[in-house]
Protein backbone atom coordinates (compact mmCIF):
# COMPACT_ATOMS: atom_id res chain seq x y z
CA MET A 1 -6.73 -72.95 -5.04
CA GLU A 2 -9.54 -73.17 -2.24
CA ASP A 3 -9.71 -71.10 0.77
CA ARG A 4 -8.50 -73.23 4.02
CA ALA A 5 -10.81 -70.75 6.14
CA ALA A 6 -13.64 -71.67 4.07
CA LYS A 7 -13.05 -75.53 4.56
CA VAL A 8 -12.80 -75.06 8.23
CA GLY A 9 -15.91 -72.53 8.23
CA ALA A 10 -17.82 -75.55 6.52
CA LEU A 11 -16.80 -78.07 9.08
CA PHE A 12 -17.01 -76.13 12.34
CA GLY A 13 -19.82 -73.73 13.69
CA ALA A 14 -23.05 -72.87 12.33
CA ARG A 15 -23.37 -70.30 9.53
CA ASP A 16 -27.00 -68.71 8.62
CA SER A 17 -26.61 -66.90 5.28
CA GLY A 18 -29.67 -65.00 6.40
CA CYS A 19 -28.16 -63.19 9.47
CA ASP A 20 -24.45 -63.96 9.09
CA LEU A 21 -24.15 -65.07 12.62
CA HIS A 22 -20.48 -66.44 12.12
CA ALA A 23 -18.16 -64.87 9.64
CA PRO A 24 -16.48 -66.99 7.08
CA ASN A 25 -13.14 -65.66 8.35
CA GLU A 26 -13.90 -66.53 12.21
CA GLY A 27 -11.17 -68.55 13.88
CA VAL A 28 -11.74 -71.92 15.58
CA SER A 29 -10.36 -72.58 19.14
CA PHE A 30 -9.10 -76.15 18.68
CA SER A 31 -8.78 -76.60 22.62
CA GLU A 32 -12.53 -75.75 22.97
CA LEU A 33 -13.18 -78.28 20.06
CA ARG A 34 -11.22 -80.93 22.00
CA ASN A 35 -12.93 -80.17 25.06
CA THR A 36 -16.21 -80.61 23.47
CA VAL A 37 -15.21 -83.82 21.81
CA VAL A 38 -13.69 -85.38 25.08
CA ALA A 39 -16.94 -84.27 26.83
CA MET A 40 -19.23 -85.89 24.24
CA CYS A 41 -17.29 -89.27 24.19
CA GLY A 42 -17.35 -89.43 27.86
CA PHE A 43 -21.30 -88.93 27.76
CA VAL A 44 -21.52 -91.79 24.93
CA GLU A 45 -19.36 -94.14 26.97
CA GLU A 46 -21.38 -93.55 30.07
CA TYR A 47 -24.60 -93.73 28.14
CA ALA A 48 -23.70 -96.98 26.29
CA ALA A 49 -22.70 -98.26 29.71
CA ASP A 50 -26.09 -97.64 31.34
CA PHE A 51 -27.86 -98.92 28.07
CA ARG A 52 -25.94 -102.12 28.42
CA SER A 53 -26.60 -102.55 32.04
CA ARG A 54 -30.55 -102.22 31.29
CA GLY A 55 -30.02 -105.38 29.13
CA GLY A 56 -30.15 -103.15 25.81
CA THR A 57 -28.49 -104.36 22.75
CA ALA A 58 -27.66 -102.38 19.64
CA THR A 59 -27.82 -103.77 15.94
CA ALA A 60 -26.29 -102.41 12.69
CA GLN A 61 -28.48 -102.47 9.66
């Protein structure tokens, strides 16, 4: 059975094996993560609106 903390550690936070800045069993503050995601979404929305207002278009390839 895989260690759940290892999975979370792989998804959140940096871990440098050379300096072990973050421990494998380090906790994740989900409220802090949520606040970060909300702020990033707000930035992307504002950036996209500004981009469109300047005549920019996005194309997927």
